[in-house]
Amino acid sequence: MSAAPALQPIDSVFRALADPTRRQVLERLSESPASVSELAAPFAMALPSFVEHLSVLEGSGLVSSKKMVSFGMQN
């Protein structure tokens, strides 16, 4: 038995778009950039599950992320 062929780039896009949650996230991001917590707020799911949706979108090339650094006062 041979291994399944690797997904082509277009396959990963269609896989990402197949899920209604991910389509709603894309619709929201079409308005403006948002933080993970802002994107997750309307959805009744655990944050790790939501982050998996974002990972699928990023892996397909439909979205990109920026790492934000927070600073605070030292005690």
C-alpha atoms as a PDB file:
ATOM      1  CA  MET A   1       0.000   0.000   0.000  1.00  0.00           C
ATOM      2  CA  SER A   2       1.449   3.391  -0.931  1.00  0.00           C
ATOM      3  CA  ALA A   3       1.352   6.525   1.179  1.00  0.00           C
ATOM      4  CA  ALA A   4      -1.269   9.137   0.406  1.00  0.00           C
ATOM      5  CA  PRO A   5       0.029  11.807  -1.966  1.00  0.00           C
ATOM      6  CA  ALA A   6       1.016  15.126  -0.444  1.00  0.00           C
ATOM      7  CA  LEU A   7      -1.628  17.805  -0.591  1.00  0.00           C
ATOM      8  CA  GLN A   8      -1.209  20.265  -3.403  1.00  0.00           C
ATOM      9  CA  PRO A   9      -1.446  23.955  -2.418  1.00  0.00           C
ATOM     10  CA  ILE A  10      -4.934  24.263  -3.910  1.00  0.00           C
ATOM     11  CA  ASP A  11      -6.057  21.221  -1.900  1.00  0.00           C
ATOM     12  CA  SER A  12      -5.059  22.892   1.365  1.00  0.00           C
ATOM     13  CA  VAL A  13      -6.992  26.023   0.380  1.00  0.00           C
ATOM     14  CA  PHE A  14     -10.139  24.012  -0.334  1.00  0.00           C
ATOM     15  CA  ARG A  15      -9.681  22.058   2.899  1.00  0.00           C
ATOM     16  CA  ALA A  16      -9.437  25.337   4.813  1.00  0.00           C
ATOM     17  CA  LEU A  17     -12.513  26.770   3.103  1.00  0.00           C
ATOM     18  CA  ALA A  18     -14.576  23.617   3.691  1.00  0.00           C
ATOM     19  CA  ASP A  19     -15.184  24.539   7.330  1.00  0.00           C
ATOM     20  CA  PRO A  20     -17.836  27.191   8.157  1.00  0.00           C
ATOM     21  CA  THR A  21     -15.900  28.450  11.197  1.00  0.00           C
ATOM     22  CA  ARG A  22     -12.847  29.154   9.068  1.00  0.00           C
ATOM     23  CA  ARG A  23     -14.974  30.907   6.444  1.00  0.00           C
ATOM     24  CA  GLN A  24     -16.415  33.154   9.183  1.00  0.00           C
ATOM     25  CA  VAL A  25     -12.907  33.928  10.420  1.00  0.00           C
ATOM     26  CA  LEU A  26     -11.856  34.905   6.891  1.00  0.00           C
ATOM     27  CA  GLU A  27     -14.920  37.120   6.571  1.00  0.00           C
ATOM     28  CA  ARG A  28     -14.008  38.860   9.843  1.00  0.00           C
ATOM     29  CA  LEU A  29     -10.376  39.291   8.786  1.00  0.00           C
ATOM     30  CA  SER A  30     -11.469  40.830   5.489  1.00  0.00           C
ATOM     31  CA  GLU A  31     -12.623  43.819   7.561  1.00  0.00           C
ATOM     32  CA  SER A  32      -9.390  44.371   9.529  1.00  0.00           C
ATOM     33  CA  PRO A  33      -6.614  42.513  11.344  1.00  0.00           C
ATOM     34  CA  ALA A  34      -7.558  41.083  14.742  1.00  0.00           C
ATOM     35  CA  SER A  35      -5.999  39.329  17.701  1.00  0.00           C
ATOM     36  CA  VAL A  36      -6.641  35.660  18.386  1.00  0.00           C
ATOM     37  CA  SER A  37      -8.893  36.530  21.328  1.00  0.00           C
ATOM     38  CA  GLU A  38     -10.911  38.969  19.186  1.00  0.00           C
ATOM     39  CA  LEU A  39     -11.345  36.337  16.503  1.00  0.00           C
ATOM     40  CA  ALA A  40     -12.265  33.595  18.982  1.00  0.00           C
ATOM     41  CA  ALA A  41     -14.811  35.656  20.957  1.00  0.00           C
ATOM     42  CA  PRO A  42     -17.901  34.870  18.803  1.00  0.00           C
ATOM     43  CA  PHE A  43     -17.252  31.110  18.802  1.00  0.00           C
ATOM     44  CA  ALA A  44     -18.288  28.707  21.560  1.00  0.00           C
ATOM     45  CA  MET A  45     -15.169  26.553  21.553  1.00  0.00           C
ATOM     46  CA  ALA A  46     -12.020  26.111  23.587  1.00  0.00           C
ATOM     47  CA  LEU A  47      -9.157  28.390  22.576  1.00  0.00           C
ATOM     48  CA  PRO A  48      -6.854  25.494  21.566  1.00  0.00           C
ATOM     49  CA  SER A  49      -9.552  24.229  19.186  1.00  0.00           C
ATOM     50  CA  PHE A  50      -9.955  27.693  17.711  1.00  0.00           C
ATOM     51  CA  VAL A  51      -6.201  28.091  17.298  1.00  0.00           C
ATOM     52  CA  GLU A  52      -6.207  24.858  15.275  1.00  0.00           C
ATOM     53  CA  HIS A  53      -8.610  26.541  12.825  1.00  0.00           C
ATOM     54  CA  LEU A  54      -6.190  29.465  12.540  1.00  0.00           C
ATOM     55  CA  SER A  55      -3.323  27.044  11.946  1.00  0.00           C
ATOM     56  CA  VAL A  56      -5.201  25.447   9.057  1.00  0.00           C
ATOM     57  CA  LEU A  57      -5.871  28.882   7.540  1.00  0.00           C
ATOM     58  CA  GLU A  58      -2.243  29.911   7.952  1.00  0.00           C
ATOM     59  CA  GLY A  59      -0.982  26.602   6.577  1.00  0.00           C
ATOM     60  CA  SER A  60      -3.079  27.098   3.459  1.00  0.00           C
ATOM     61  CA  GLY A  61      -1.617  30.565   2.922  1.00  0.00           C
ATOM     62  CA  LEU A  62      -4.974  32.309   3.353  1.00  0.00           C
ATOM     63  CA  VAL A  63      -3.892  34.245   6.460  1.00  0.00           C
ATOM     64  CA  SER A  64      -0.655  35.224   8.121  1.00  0.00           C
ATOM     65  CA  SER A  65       0.162  36.031  11.711  1.00  0.00           C
ATOM     66  CA  LYS A  66       2.370  38.476  13.539  1.00  0.00           C
ATOM     67  CA  LYS A  67       3.809  37.741  16.940  1.00  0.00           C
ATOM     68  CA  MET A  68       2.965  40.512  19.381  1.00  0.00           C
ATOM     69  CA  VAL A  69       5.273  41.295  22.271  1.00  0.00           C
ATOM     70  CA  SER A  70       3.868  42.652  25.511  1.00  0.00           C
ATOM     71  CA  PHE A  71       5.879  44.718  27.938  1.00  0.00           C
ATOM     72  CA  GLY A  72       5.114  45.458  31.561  1.00  0.00           C
ATOM     73  CA  MET A  73       6.656  47.226  34.522  1.00  0.00           C
ATOM     74  CA  GLN A  74       9.154  45.332  36.648  1.00  0.00           C
ATOM     75  CA  ASN A  75       8.268  45.058  40.322  1.00  0.00           C
END
